[in-house]
Amino acid sequence: MKYLKISVVCFFIACSVLACFSGKAKRNEFIIADSKSYEASLFRQNCAICHGQEANGKEMDGRLIPSLRYGPAAQKSEEEIYLQIKEGKLPMPSFKNQLTEEEISKMVRFIRRDLQGIK
């Protein structure tokens, strides 16, 4: 009986620990719509129209616009993201005439830190 009680307690502890680490990844917890950050504002003004309000991607004119939170975007380096924003890559336009170098750098950090959860 003593071992049964210990086993039950251990089972519930293990389930509790597992529950803490399961569920959505941190990168998916950041809500752009709730953020008052400058970067979130830049995203809403320049990126949300194609990548979706929460950067989860969407379909436009029969084309799938990728998520910035996971998938291929999460595999890109900071330099690749920077160049993609600055120079564009069809079908994505260049933002070098709309955003400053500093704003582009802030967007890279925003994508990596807030959207993807990479520190």
PDB file of N, CA and C in Angstrom:
ATOM      1  N   MET A   1       0.826  -1.202   0.000  1.00  0.00           N
ATOM      2  CA  MET A   1       0.000   0.000   0.000  1.00  0.00           C
ATOM      3  C   MET A   1       0.863   1.257   0.000  1.00  0.00           C
ATOM      4  N   LYS A   2       1.956   1.213   0.748  1.00  0.00           N
ATOM      5  CA  LYS A   2       2.860   2.345   0.838  1.00  0.00           C
ATOM      6  C   LYS A   2       3.445   2.660  -0.547  1.00  0.00           C
ATOM      7  N   TYR A   3       3.845   1.614  -1.290  1.00  0.00           N
ATOM      8  CA  TYR A   3       4.413   1.817  -2.626  1.00  0.00           C
ATOM      9  C   TYR A   3       3.382   2.337  -3.618  1.00  0.00           C
ATOM     10  N   LEU A   4       2.147   1.932  -3.434  1.00  0.00           N
ATOM     11  CA  LEU A   4       1.072   2.419  -4.302  1.00  0.00           C
ATOM     12  C   LEU A   4       0.872   3.921  -4.109  1.00  0.00           C
ATOM     13  N   LYS A   5       0.868   4.366  -2.863  1.00  0.00           N
ATOM     14  CA  LYS A   5       0.712   5.798  -2.575  1.00  0.00           C
ATOM     15  C   LYS A   5       1.880   6.590  -3.162  1.00  0.00           C
ATOM     16  N   ILE A   6       3.080   6.075  -2.977  1.00  0.00           N
ATOM     17  CA  ILE A   6       4.268   6.757  -3.514  1.00  0.00           C
ATOM     18  C   ILE A   6       4.194   6.809  -5.034  1.00  0.00           C
ATOM     19  N   SER A   7       3.766   5.721  -5.646  1.00  0.00           N
ATOM     20  CA  SER A   7       3.641   5.672  -7.105  1.00  0.00           C
ATOM     21  C   SER A   7       2.615   6.683  -7.609  1.00  0.00           C
ATOM     22  N   VAL A   8       1.488   6.773  -6.926  1.00  0.00           N
ATOM     23  CA  VAL A   8       0.442   7.716  -7.318  1.00  0.00           C
ATOM     24  C   VAL A   8       0.945   9.150  -7.190  1.00  0.00           C
ATOM     25  N   VAL A   9       1.607   9.467  -6.107  1.00  0.00           N
ATOM     26  CA  VAL A   9       2.153  10.810  -5.894  1.00  0.00           C
ATOM     27  C   VAL A   9       3.178  11.135  -6.976  1.00  0.00           C
ATOM     28  N   CYS A  10       4.073  10.189  -7.254  1.00  0.00           N
ATOM     29  CA  CYS A  10       5.088  10.402  -8.296  1.00  0.00           C
ATOM     30  C   CYS A  10       4.435  10.609  -9.661  1.00  0.00           C
ATOM     31  N   PHE A  11       3.385   9.855  -9.939  1.00  0.00           N
ATOM     32  CA  PHE A  11       2.668   9.996 -11.201  1.00  0.00           C
ATOM     33  C   PHE A  11       2.096  11.405 -11.352  1.00  0.00           C
ATOM     34  N   PHE A  12       1.466  11.909 -10.305  1.00  0.00           N
ATOM     35  CA  PHE A  12       0.873  13.248 -10.375  1.00  0.00           C
ATOM     36  C   PHE A  12       1.946  14.337 -10.460  1.00  0.00           C
ATOM     37  N   ILE A  13       3.051  14.137  -9.800  1.00  0.00           N
ATOM     38  CA  ILE A  13       4.157  15.100  -9.900  1.00  0.00           C
ATOM     39  C   ILE A  13       4.691  15.113 -11.327  1.00  0.00           C
ATOM     40  N   ALA A  14       4.884  13.924 -11.897  1.00  0.00           N
ATOM     41  CA  ALA A  14       5.384  13.833 -13.271  1.00  0.00           C
ATOM     42  C   ALA A  14       4.412  14.496 -14.244  1.00  0.00           C
ATOM     43  N   CYS A  15       3.125  14.265 -14.060  1.00  0.00           N
ATOM     44  CA  CYS A  15       2.117  14.886 -14.935  1.00  0.00           C
ATOM     45  C   CYS A  15       2.138  16.403 -14.802  1.00  0.00           C
ATOM     46  N   SER A  16       2.312  16.890 -13.594  1.00  0.00           N
ATOM     47  CA  SER A  16       2.358  18.343 -13.365  1.00  0.00           C
ATOM     48  C   SER A  16       3.566  18.961 -14.046  1.00  0.00           C
ATOM     49  N   VAL A  17       4.719  18.321 -13.915  1.00  0.00           N
ATOM     50  CA  VAL A  17       5.939  18.829 -14.545  1.00  0.00           C
ATOM     51  C   VAL A  17       5.779  18.811 -16.055  1.00  0.00           C
ATOM     52  N   LEU A  18       5.248  17.722 -16.585  1.00  0.00           N
ATOM     53  CA  LEU A  18       5.039  17.613 -18.026  1.00  0.00           C
ATOM     54  C   LEU A  18       4.086  18.687 -18.526  1.00  0.00           C
ATOM     55  N   ALA A  19       3.058  18.978 -17.785  1.00  0.00           N
ATOM     56  CA  ALA A  19       2.091  20.007 -18.174  1.00  0.00           C
ATOM     57  C   ALA A  19       2.740  21.382 -18.252  1.00  0.00           C
ATOM     58  N   CYS A  20       3.720  21.627 -17.414  1.00  0.00           N
ATOM     59  CA  CYS A  20       4.413  22.918 -17.436  1.00  0.00           C
ATOM     60  C   CYS A  20       5.216  23.110 -18.715  1.00  0.00           C
ATOM     61  N   PHE A  21       5.692  22.035 -19.289  1.00  0.00           N
ATOM     62  CA  PHE A  21       6.542  22.125 -20.470  1.00  0.00           C
ATOM     63  C   PHE A  21       5.825  21.809 -21.773  1.00  0.00           C
ATOM     64  N   SER A  22       4.577  21.431 -21.704  1.00  0.00           N
ATOM     65  CA  SER A  22       3.850  21.121 -22.927  1.00  0.00           C
ATOM     66  C   SER A  22       2.973  22.295 -23.316  1.00  0.00           C
ATOM     67  N   GLY A  23       2.258  22.148 -24.394  1.00  0.00           N
ATOM     68  CA  GLY A  23       1.391  23.231 -24.868  1.00  0.00           C
ATOM     69  C   GLY A  23       2.086  24.023 -25.938  1.00  0.00           C
ATOM     70  N   LYS A  24       1.594  25.197 -26.210  1.00  0.00           N
ATOM     71  CA  LYS A  24       2.147  26.022 -27.267  1.00  0.00           C
ATOM     72  C   LYS A  24       3.530  26.511 -26.880  1.00  0.00           C
ATOM     73  N   ALA A  25       4.356  26.647 -27.881  1.00  0.00           N
ATOM     74  CA  ALA A  25       5.697  27.167 -27.662  1.00  0.00           C
ATOM     75  C   ALA A  25       5.598  28.643 -27.314  1.00  0.00           C
ATOM     76  N   LYS A  26       6.618  29.135 -26.643  1.00  0.00           N
ATOM     77  CA  LYS A  26       6.620  30.528 -26.217  1.00  0.00           C
ATOM     78  C   LYS A  26       6.433  31.485 -27.395  1.00  0.00           C
ATOM     79  N   ARG A  27       7.017  31.149 -28.537  1.00  0.00           N
ATOM     80  CA  ARG A  27       6.928  32.051 -29.678  1.00  0.00           C
ATOM     81  C   ARG A  27       5.490  32.307 -30.111  1.00  0.00           C
ATOM     82  N   ASN A  28       4.592  31.367 -29.815  1.00  0.00           N
ATOM     83  CA  ASN A  28       3.202  31.527 -30.212  1.00  0.00           C
ATOM     84  C   ASN A  28       2.376  32.257 -29.163  1.00  0.00           C
ATOM     85  N   GLU A  29       2.952  32.554 -28.024  1.00  0.00           N
ATOM     86  CA  GLU A  29       2.217  33.225 -26.954  1.00  0.00           C
ATOM     87  C   GLU A  29       2.187  34.735 -27.124  1.00  0.00           C
ATOM     88  N   PHE A  30       3.135  35.307 -27.845  1.00  0.00           N
ATOM     89  CA  PHE A  30       3.199  36.748 -28.024  1.00  0.00           C
ATOM     90  C   PHE A  30       2.032  37.188 -28.908  1.00  0.00           C
ATOM     91  N   ILE A  31       1.250  38.121 -28.411  1.00  0.00           N
ATOM     92  CA  ILE A  31       0.083  38.603 -29.153  1.00  0.00           C
ATOM     93  C   ILE A  31       0.387  40.005 -29.670  1.00  0.00           C
ATOM     94  N   ILE A  32       0.537  40.106 -30.973  1.00  0.00           N
ATOM     95  CA  ILE A  32       0.894  41.380 -31.592  1.00  0.00           C
ATOM     96  C   ILE A  32      -0.176  42.432 -31.338  1.00  0.00           C
ATOM     97  N   ALA A  33      -1.430  42.035 -31.444  1.00  0.00           N
ATOM     98  CA  ALA A  33      -2.538  42.986 -31.273  1.00  0.00           C
ATOM     99  C   ALA A  33      -2.540  43.629 -29.882  1.00  0.00           C
ATOM    100  N   ASP A  34      -2.025  42.922 -28.885  1.00  0.00           N
ATOM    101  CA  ASP A  34      -2.001  43.448 -27.518  1.00  0.00           C
ATOM    102  C   ASP A  34      -0.750  44.271 -27.221  1.00  0.00           C
ATOM    103  N   SER A  35       0.237  44.209 -28.099  1.00  0.00           N
ATOM    104  CA  SER A  35       1.510  44.880 -27.842  1.00  0.00           C
ATOM    105  C   SER A  35       1.454  46.354 -28.215  1.00  0.00           C
ATOM    106  N   LYS A  36       2.043  47.168 -27.372  1.00  0.00           N
ATOM    107  CA  LYS A  36       2.134  48.600 -27.629  1.00  0.00           C
ATOM    108  C   LYS A  36       3.553  48.984 -28.067  1.00  0.00           C
ATOM    109  N   SER A  37       4.389  47.975 -28.343  1.00  0.00           N
ATOM    110  CA  SER A  37       5.772  48.258 -28.726  1.00  0.00           C
ATOM    111  C   SER A  37       5.838  48.918 -30.099  1.00  0.00           C
ATOM    112  N   TYR A  38       6.901  49.643 -30.314  1.00  0.00           N
ATOM    113  CA  TYR A  38       7.128  50.300 -31.601  1.00  0.00           C
ATOM    114  C   TYR A  38       7.217  49.261 -32.716  1.00  0.00           C
ATOM    115  N   GLU A  39       7.904  48.151 -32.421  1.00  0.00           N
ATOM    116  CA  GLU A  39       8.075  47.096 -33.408  1.00  0.00           C
ATOM    117  C   GLU A  39       6.735  46.472 -33.812  1.00  0.00           C
ATOM    118  N   ALA A  40       5.868  46.249 -32.835  1.00  0.00           N
ATOM    119  CA  ALA A  40       4.545  45.698 -33.137  1.00  0.00           C
ATOM    120  C   ALA A  40       3.759  46.679 -34.005  1.00  0.00           C
ATOM    121  N   SER A  41       3.914  47.955 -33.732  1.00  0.00           N
ATOM    122  CA  SER A  41       3.251  48.979 -34.543  1.00  0.00           C
ATOM    123  C   SER A  41       3.774  48.949 -35.980  1.00  0.00           C
ATOM    124  N   LEU A  42       5.093  48.826 -36.131  1.00  0.00           N
ATOM    125  CA  LEU A  42       5.677  48.715 -37.468  1.00  0.00           C
ATOM    126  C   LEU A  42       5.145  47.472 -38.187  1.00  0.00           C
ATOM    127  N   PHE A  43       5.038  46.380 -37.451  1.00  0.00           N
ATOM    128  CA  PHE A  43       4.521  45.150 -38.042  1.00  0.00           C
ATOM    129  C   PHE A  43       3.093  45.364 -38.535  1.00  0.00           C
ATOM    130  N   ARG A  44       2.260  45.933 -37.679  1.00  0.00           N
ATOM    131  CA  ARG A  44       0.857  46.147 -38.063  1.00  0.00           C
ATOM    132  C   ARG A  44       0.751  47.033 -39.305  1.00  0.00           C
ATOM    133  N   GLN A  45       1.620  48.047 -39.410  1.00  0.00           N
ATOM    134  CA  GLN A  45       1.570  48.988 -40.529  1.00  0.00           C
ATOM    135  C   GLN A  45       2.128  48.418 -41.823  1.00  0.00           C
ATOM    136  N   ASN A  46       3.153  47.569 -41.729  1.00  0.00           N
ATOM    137  CA  ASN A  46       3.871  47.147 -42.923  1.00  0.00           C
ATOM    138  C   ASN A  46       3.788  45.663 -43.269  1.00  0.00           C
ATOM    139  N   CYS A  47       3.547  44.809 -42.302  1.00  0.00           N
ATOM    140  CA  CYS A  47       3.679  43.372 -42.530  1.00  0.00           C
ATOM    141  C   CYS A  47       2.375  42.593 -42.408  1.00  0.00           C
ATOM    142  N   ALA A  48       1.487  43.063 -41.547  1.00  0.00           N
ATOM    143  CA  ALA A  48       0.262  42.313 -41.237  1.00  0.00           C
ATOM    144  C   ALA A  48      -0.618  42.099 -42.462  1.00  0.00           C
ATOM    145  N   ILE A  49      -0.609  43.023 -43.387  1.00  0.00           N
ATOM    146  CA  ILE A  49      -1.470  42.885 -44.563  1.00  0.00           C
ATOM    147  C   ILE A  49      -1.170  41.596 -45.322  1.00  0.00           C
ATOM    148  N   CYS A  50       0.076  41.174 -45.338  1.00  0.00           N
ATOM    149  CA  CYS A  50       0.439  39.937 -46.044  1.00  0.00           C
ATOM    150  C   CYS A  50       0.621  38.752 -45.098  1.00  0.00           C
ATOM    151  N   HIS A  51       1.316  38.971 -43.987  1.00  0.00           N
ATOM    152  CA  HIS A  51       1.654  37.860 -43.088  1.00  0.00           C
ATOM    153  C   HIS A  51       0.566  37.563 -42.057  1.00  0.00           C
ATOM    154  N   GLY A  52      -0.490  38.355 -42.031  1.00  0.00           N
ATOM    155  CA  GLY A  52      -1.579  38.147 -41.090  1.00  0.00           C
ATOM    156  C   GLY A  52      -1.393  38.960 -39.823  1.00  0.00           C
ATOM    157  N   GLN A  53      -2.487  39.242 -39.149  1.00  0.00           N
ATOM    158  CA  GLN A  53      -2.474  40.094 -37.958  1.00  0.00           C
ATOM    159  C   GLN A  53      -1.563  39.570 -36.854  1.00  0.00           C
ATOM    160  N   GLU A  54      -1.417  38.246 -36.765  1.00  0.00           N
ATOM    161  CA  GLU A  54      -0.565  37.655 -35.731  1.00  0.00           C
ATOM    162  C   GLU A  54       0.639  36.925 -36.320  1.00  0.00           C
ATOM    163  N   ALA A  55       0.969  37.243 -37.574  1.00  0.00           N
ATOM    164  CA  ALA A  55       2.163  36.709 -38.257  1.00  0.00           C
ATOM    165  C   ALA A  55       2.132  35.202 -38.454  1.00  0.00           C
ATOM    166  N   ASN A  56       0.927  34.641 -38.523  1.00  0.00           N
ATOM    167  CA  ASN A  56       0.799  33.200 -38.728  1.00  0.00           C
ATOM    168  C   ASN A  56       0.707  32.827 -40.202  1.00  0.00           C
ATOM    169  N   GLY A  57       0.838  33.802 -41.084  1.00  0.00           N
ATOM    170  CA  GLY A  57       0.730  33.555 -42.507  1.00  0.00           C
ATOM    171  C   GLY A  57      -0.724  33.546 -42.936  1.00  0.00           C
ATOM    172  N   LYS A  58      -0.939  33.612 -44.239  1.00  0.00           N
ATOM    173  CA  LYS A  58      -2.295  33.559 -44.774  1.00  0.00           C
ATOM    174  C   LYS A  58      -2.227  33.358 -46.275  1.00  0.00           C
ATOM    175  N   GLU A  59      -3.373  33.165 -46.870  1.00  0.00           N
ATOM    176  CA  GLU A  59      -3.441  33.009 -48.313  1.00  0.00           C
ATOM    177  C   GLU A  59      -3.896  34.321 -48.928  1.00  0.00           C
ATOM    178  N   MET A  60      -3.197  34.732 -49.979  1.00  0.00           N
ATOM    179  CA  MET A  60      -3.547  35.955 -50.712  1.00  0.00           C
ATOM    180  C   MET A  60      -3.484  35.657 -52.195  1.00  0.00           C
ATOM    181  N   ASP A  61      -4.561  35.894 -52.887  1.00  0.00           N
ATOM    182  CA  ASP A  61      -4.601  35.692 -54.341  1.00  0.00           C
ATOM    183  C   ASP A  61      -4.087  34.310 -54.738  1.00  0.00           C
ATOM    184  N   GLY A  62      -4.463  33.308 -53.973  1.00  0.00           N
ATOM    185  CA  GLY A  62      -4.059  31.945 -54.273  1.00  0.00           C
ATOM    186  C   GLY A  62      -2.642  31.584 -53.853  1.00  0.00           C
ATOM    187  N   ARG A  63      -1.930  32.530 -53.266  1.00  0.00           N
ATOM    188  CA  ARG A  63      -0.560  32.293 -52.795  1.00  0.00           C
ATOM    189  C   ARG A  63      -0.550  32.164 -51.287  1.00  0.00           C
ATOM    190  N   LEU A  64       0.254  31.249 -50.798  1.00  0.00           N
ATOM    191  CA  LEU A  64       0.398  31.089 -49.359  1.00  0.00           C
ATOM    192  C   LEU A  64       1.536  31.981 -48.882  1.00  0.00           C
ATOM    193  N   ILE A  65       1.193  32.980 -48.074  1.00  0.00           N
ATOM    194  CA  ILE A  65       2.192  33.874 -47.482  1.00  0.00           C
ATOM    195  C   ILE A  65       2.641  33.210 -46.186  1.00  0.00           C
ATOM    196  N   PRO A  66       3.951  33.010 -46.006  1.00  0.00           N
ATOM    197  CA  PRO A  66       4.416  32.215 -44.865  1.00  0.00           C
ATOM    198  C   PRO A  66       4.259  32.894 -43.505  1.00  0.00           C
ATOM    199  N   SER A  67       4.193  32.044 -42.510  1.00  0.00           N
ATOM    200  CA  SER A  67       4.222  32.485 -41.121  1.00  0.00           C
ATOM    201  C   SER A  67       5.613  33.018 -40.811  1.00  0.00           C
ATOM    202  N   LEU A  68       5.681  34.016 -39.949  1.00  0.00           N
ATOM    203  CA  LEU A  68       6.975  34.501 -39.470  1.00  0.00           C
ATOM    204  C   LEU A  68       7.334  33.853 -38.136  1.00  0.00           C
ATOM    205  N   ARG A  69       6.420  33.065 -37.579  1.00  0.00           N
ATOM    206  CA  ARG A  69       6.615  32.438 -36.276  1.00  0.00           C
ATOM    207  C   ARG A  69       7.287  31.074 -36.365  1.00  0.00           C
ATOM    208  N   TYR A  70       6.999  30.315 -37.401  1.00  0.00           N
ATOM    209  CA  TYR A  70       7.521  28.949 -37.523  1.00  0.00           C
ATOM    210  C   TYR A  70       7.699  28.613 -38.998  1.00  0.00           C
ATOM    211  N   GLY A  71       8.218  27.440 -39.275  1.00  0.00           N
ATOM    212  CA  GLY A  71       8.437  27.026 -40.658  1.00  0.00           C
ATOM    213  C   GLY A  71       9.718  27.619 -41.213  1.00  0.00           C
ATOM    214  N   PRO A  72       9.757  27.855 -42.519  1.00  0.00           N
ATOM    215  CA  PRO A  72      10.979  28.349 -43.160  1.00  0.00           C
ATOM    216  C   PRO A  72      11.515  29.651 -42.552  1.00  0.00           C
ATOM    217  N   ALA A  73      10.648  30.540 -42.137  1.00  0.00           N
ATOM    218  CA  ALA A  73      11.106  31.816 -41.553  1.00  0.00           C
ATOM    219  C   ALA A  73      11.907  31.584 -40.271  1.00  0.00           C
ATOM    220  N   ALA A  74      11.533  30.582 -39.509  1.00  0.00           N
ATOM    221  CA  ALA A  74      12.234  30.297 -38.250  1.00  0.00           C
ATOM    222  C   ALA A  74      13.594  29.652 -38.500  1.00  0.00           C
ATOM    223  N   GLN A  75      13.849  29.220 -39.722  1.00  0.00           N
ATOM    224  CA  GLN A  75      15.134  28.605 -40.063  1.00  0.00           C
ATOM    225  C   GLN A  75      16.141  29.631 -40.588  1.00  0.00           C
ATOM    226  N   LYS A  76      15.678  30.842 -40.850  1.00  0.00           N
ATOM    227  CA  LYS A  76      16.551  31.873 -41.420  1.00  0.00           C
ATOM    228  C   LYS A  76      17.397  32.537 -40.337  1.00  0.00           C
ATOM    229  N   SER A  77      18.586  32.948 -40.727  1.00  0.00           N
ATOM    230  CA  SER A  77      19.463  33.689 -39.819  1.00  0.00           C
ATOM    231  C   SER A  77      18.978  35.133 -39.720  1.00  0.00           C
ATOM    232  N   GLU A  78      19.500  35.860 -38.756  1.00  0.00           N
ATOM    233  CA  GLU A  78      19.136  37.273 -38.618  1.00  0.00           C
ATOM    234  C   GLU A  78      19.533  38.053 -39.866  1.00  0.00           C
ATOM    235  N   GLU A  79      20.689  37.718 -40.428  1.00  0.00           N
ATOM    236  CA  GLU A  79      21.152  38.405 -41.637  1.00  0.00           C
ATOM    237  C   GLU A  79      20.215  38.125 -42.812  1.00  0.00           C
ATOM    238  N   GLU A  80      19.760  36.892 -42.947  1.00  0.00           N
ATOM    239  CA  GLU A  80      18.825  36.553 -44.026  1.00  0.00           C
ATOM    240  C   GLU A  80      17.501  37.295 -43.874  1.00  0.00           C
ATOM    241  N   ILE A  81      17.014  37.383 -42.641  1.00  0.00           N
ATOM    242  CA  ILE A  81      15.760  38.113 -42.385  1.00  0.00           C
ATOM    243  C   ILE A  81      15.947  39.587 -42.709  1.00  0.00           C
ATOM    244  N   TYR A  82      17.078  40.147 -42.266  1.00  0.00           N
ATOM    245  CA  TYR A  82      17.381  41.553 -42.518  1.00  0.00           C
ATOM    246  C   TYR A  82      17.365  41.838 -44.024  1.00  0.00           C
ATOM    247  N   LEU A  83      18.069  41.009 -44.793  1.00  0.00           N
ATOM    248  CA  LEU A  83      18.143  41.221 -46.235  1.00  0.00           C
ATOM    249  C   LEU A  83      16.786  41.033 -46.907  1.00  0.00           C
ATOM    250  N   GLN A  84      15.999  40.089 -46.401  1.00  0.00           N
ATOM    251  CA  GLN A  84      14.664  39.856 -46.973  1.00  0.00           C
ATOM    252  C   GLN A  84      13.794  41.104 -46.785  1.00  0.00           C
ATOM    253  N   ILE A  85      13.862  41.702 -45.599  1.00  0.00           N
ATOM    254  CA  ILE A  85      13.075  42.919 -45.350  1.00  0.00           C
ATOM    255  C   ILE A  85      13.612  44.081 -46.187  1.00  0.00           C
ATOM    256  N   LYS A  86      14.909  44.264 -46.150  1.00  0.00           N
ATOM    257  CA  LYS A  86      15.507  45.414 -46.830  1.00  0.00           C
ATOM    258  C   LYS A  86      15.387  45.320 -48.352  1.00  0.00           C
ATOM    259  N   GLU A  87      15.815  44.208 -48.923  1.00  0.00           N
ATOM    260  CA  GLU A  87      15.875  44.080 -50.374  1.00  0.00           C
ATOM    261  C   GLU A  87      14.632  43.453 -50.989  1.00  0.00           C
ATOM    262  N   GLY A  88      13.869  42.719 -50.163  1.00  0.00           N
ATOM    263  CA  GLY A  88      12.717  42.013 -50.694  1.00  0.00           C
ATOM    264  C   GLY A  88      13.155  40.763 -51.438  1.00  0.00           C
ATOM    265  N   LYS A  89      12.219  39.922 -51.722  1.00  0.00           N
ATOM    266  CA  LYS A  89      12.458  38.710 -52.506  1.00  0.00           C
ATOM    267  C   LYS A  89      11.083  38.280 -52.971  1.00  0.00           C
ATOM    268  N   LEU A  90      10.875  38.335 -54.267  1.00  0.00           N
ATOM    269  CA  LEU A  90       9.535  38.103 -54.800  1.00  0.00           C
ATOM    270  C   LEU A  90       8.866  36.897 -54.175  1.00  0.00           C
ATOM    271  N   PRO A  91       7.644  37.053 -53.784  1.00  0.00           N
ATOM    272  CA  PRO A  91       6.742  38.186 -54.034  1.00  0.00           C
ATOM    273  C   PRO A  91       6.834  39.305 -52.991  1.00  0.00           C
ATOM    274  N   MET A  92       7.707  39.180 -52.004  1.00  0.00           N
ATOM    275  CA  MET A  92       7.804  40.218 -50.961  1.00  0.00           C
ATOM    276  C   MET A  92       8.540  41.442 -51.508  1.00  0.00           C
ATOM    277  N   PRO A  93       7.964  42.623 -51.303  1.00  0.00           N
ATOM    278  CA  PRO A  93       8.623  43.845 -51.773  1.00  0.00           C
ATOM    279  C   PRO A  93       9.767  44.260 -50.842  1.00  0.00           C
ATOM    280  N   SER A  94      10.589  45.143 -51.343  1.00  0.00           N
ATOM    281  CA  SER A  94      11.666  45.741 -50.559  1.00  0.00           C
ATOM    282  C   SER A  94      11.079  46.813 -49.648  1.00  0.00           C
ATOM    283  N   PHE A  95      11.636  46.933 -48.444  1.00  0.00           N
ATOM    284  CA  PHE A  95      11.186  47.975 -47.523  1.00  0.00           C
ATOM    285  C   PHE A  95      12.282  49.008 -47.254  1.00  0.00           C
ATOM    286  N   LYS A  96      13.340  48.997 -48.068  1.00  0.00           N
ATOM    287  CA  LYS A  96      14.445  49.931 -47.828  1.00  0.00           C
ATOM    288  C   LYS A  96      14.051  51.387 -48.008  1.00  0.00           C
ATOM    289  N   ASN A  97      12.984  51.647 -48.736  1.00  0.00           N
ATOM    290  CA  ASN A  97      12.528  53.024 -48.912  1.00  0.00           C
ATOM    291  C   ASN A  97      11.420  53.417 -47.930  1.00  0.00           C
ATOM    292  N   GLN A  98      10.891  52.436 -47.179  1.00  0.00           N
ATOM    293  CA  GLN A  98       9.848  52.726 -46.196  1.00  0.00           C
ATOM    294  C   GLN A  98      10.370  52.700 -44.765  1.00  0.00           C
ATOM    295  N   LEU A  99      11.372  51.868 -44.516  1.00  0.00           N
ATOM    296  CA  LEU A  99      11.906  51.713 -43.163  1.00  0.00           C
ATOM    297  C   LEU A  99      13.370  52.125 -43.121  1.00  0.00           C
ATOM    298  N   THR A 100      13.783  52.704 -41.999  1.00  0.00           N
ATOM    299  CA  THR A 100      15.191  53.048 -41.822  1.00  0.00           C
ATOM    300  C   THR A 100      15.981  51.779 -41.504  1.00  0.00           C
ATOM    301  N   GLU A 101      17.304  51.884 -41.567  1.00  0.00           N
ATOM    302  CA  GLU A 101      18.171  50.753 -41.204  1.00  0.00           C
ATOM    303  C   GLU A 101      17.871  50.306 -39.771  1.00  0.00           C
ATOM    304  N   GLU A 102      17.682  51.274 -38.891  1.00  0.00           N
ATOM    305  CA  GLU A 102      17.385  50.965 -37.489  1.00  0.00           C
ATOM    306  C   GLU A 102      16.041  50.250 -37.350  1.00  0.00           C
ATOM    307  N   GLU A 103      15.046  50.701 -38.088  1.00  0.00           N
ATOM    308  CA  GLU A 103      13.734  50.049 -38.025  1.00  0.00           C
ATOM    309  C   GLU A 103      13.787  48.616 -38.565  1.00  0.00           C
ATOM    310  N   ILE A 104      14.556  48.406 -39.617  1.00  0.00           N
ATOM    311  CA  ILE A 104      14.709  47.056 -40.155  1.00  0.00           C
ATOM    312  C   ILE A 104      15.386  46.161 -39.115  1.00  0.00           C
ATOM    313  N   SER A 105      16.412  46.674 -38.460  1.00  0.00           N
ATOM    314  CA  SER A 105      17.090  45.913 -37.402  1.00  0.00           C
ATOM    315  C   SER A 105      16.139  45.596 -36.250  1.00  0.00           C
ATOM    316  N   LYS A 106      15.307  46.555 -35.896  1.00  0.00           N
ATOM    317  CA  LYS A 106      14.318  46.323 -34.833  1.00  0.00           C
ATOM    318  C   LYS A 106      13.321  45.243 -35.248  1.00  0.00           C
ATOM    319  N   MET A 107      12.929  45.244 -36.515  1.00  0.00           N
ATOM    320  CA  MET A 107      11.993  44.232 -36.997  1.00  0.00           C
ATOM    321  C   MET A 107      12.617  42.839 -36.954  1.00  0.00           C
ATOM    322  N   VAL A 108      13.905  42.751 -37.271  1.00  0.00           N
ATOM    323  CA  VAL A 108      14.590  41.459 -37.197  1.00  0.00           C
ATOM    324  C   VAL A 108      14.564  40.945 -35.761  1.00  0.00           C
ATOM    325  N   ARG A 109      14.904  41.813 -34.806  1.00  0.00           N
ATOM    326  CA  ARG A 109      14.880  41.408 -33.383  1.00  0.00           C
ATOM    327  C   ARG A 109      13.460  41.054 -32.941  1.00  0.00           C
ATOM    328  N   PHE A 110      12.481  41.798 -33.410  1.00  0.00           N
ATOM    329  CA  PHE A 110      11.078  41.535 -33.084  1.00  0.00           C
ATOM    330  C   PHE A 110      10.663  40.155 -33.584  1.00  0.00           C
ATOM    331  N   ILE A 111      10.999  39.839 -34.812  1.00  0.00           N
ATOM    332  CA  ILE A 111      10.654  38.533 -35.384  1.00  0.00           C
ATOM    333  C   ILE A 111      11.334  37.422 -34.605  1.00  0.00           C
ATOM    334  N   ARG A 112      12.623  37.554 -34.369  1.00  0.00           N
ATOM    335  CA  ARG A 112      13.371  36.492 -33.682  1.00  0.00           C
ATOM    336  C   ARG A 112      12.959  36.368 -32.211  1.00  0.00           C
ATOM    337  N   ARG A 113      12.921  37.468 -31.494  1.00  0.00           N
ATOM    338  CA  ARG A 113      12.678  37.443 -30.048  1.00  0.00           C
ATOM    339  C   ARG A 113      11.207  37.235 -29.718  1.00  0.00           C
ATOM    340  N   ASP A 114      10.366  38.079 -30.256  1.00  0.00           N
ATOM    341  CA  ASP A 114       8.956  38.055 -29.853  1.00  0.00           C
ATOM    342  C   ASP A 114       8.127  37.008 -30.597  1.00  0.00           C
ATOM    343  N   LEU A 115       8.313  36.912 -31.899  1.00  0.00           N
ATOM    344  CA  LEU A 115       7.483  36.001 -32.675  1.00  0.00           C
ATOM    345  C   LEU A 115       7.983  34.566 -32.652  1.00  0.00           C
ATOM    346  N   GLN A 116       9.315  34.409 -32.688  1.00  0.00           N
ATOM    347  CA  GLN A 116       9.883  33.060 -32.729  1.00  0.00           C
ATOM    348  C   GLN A 116      10.384  32.575 -31.375  1.00  0.00           C
ATOM    349  N   GLY A 117      10.499  33.485 -30.420  1.00  0.00           N
ATOM    350  CA  GLY A 117      10.951  33.101 -29.077  1.00  0.00           C
ATOM    351  C   GLY A 117      12.417  32.763 -28.987  1.00  0.00           C
ATOM    352  N   ILE A 118      13.225  33.291 -29.923  1.00  0.00           N
ATOM    353  CA  ILE A 118      14.664  33.029 -29.923  1.00  0.00           C
ATOM    354  C   ILE A 118      15.365  34.216 -29.276  1.00  0.00           C
ATOM    355  N   LYS A 119      16.171  33.943 -28.312  1.00  0.00           N
ATOM    356  CA  LYS A 119      16.854  35.024 -27.590  1.00  0.00           C
ATOM    357  C   LYS A 119      18.163  35.369 -28.239  1.00  0.00           C
TER     358      LYS A 119
END
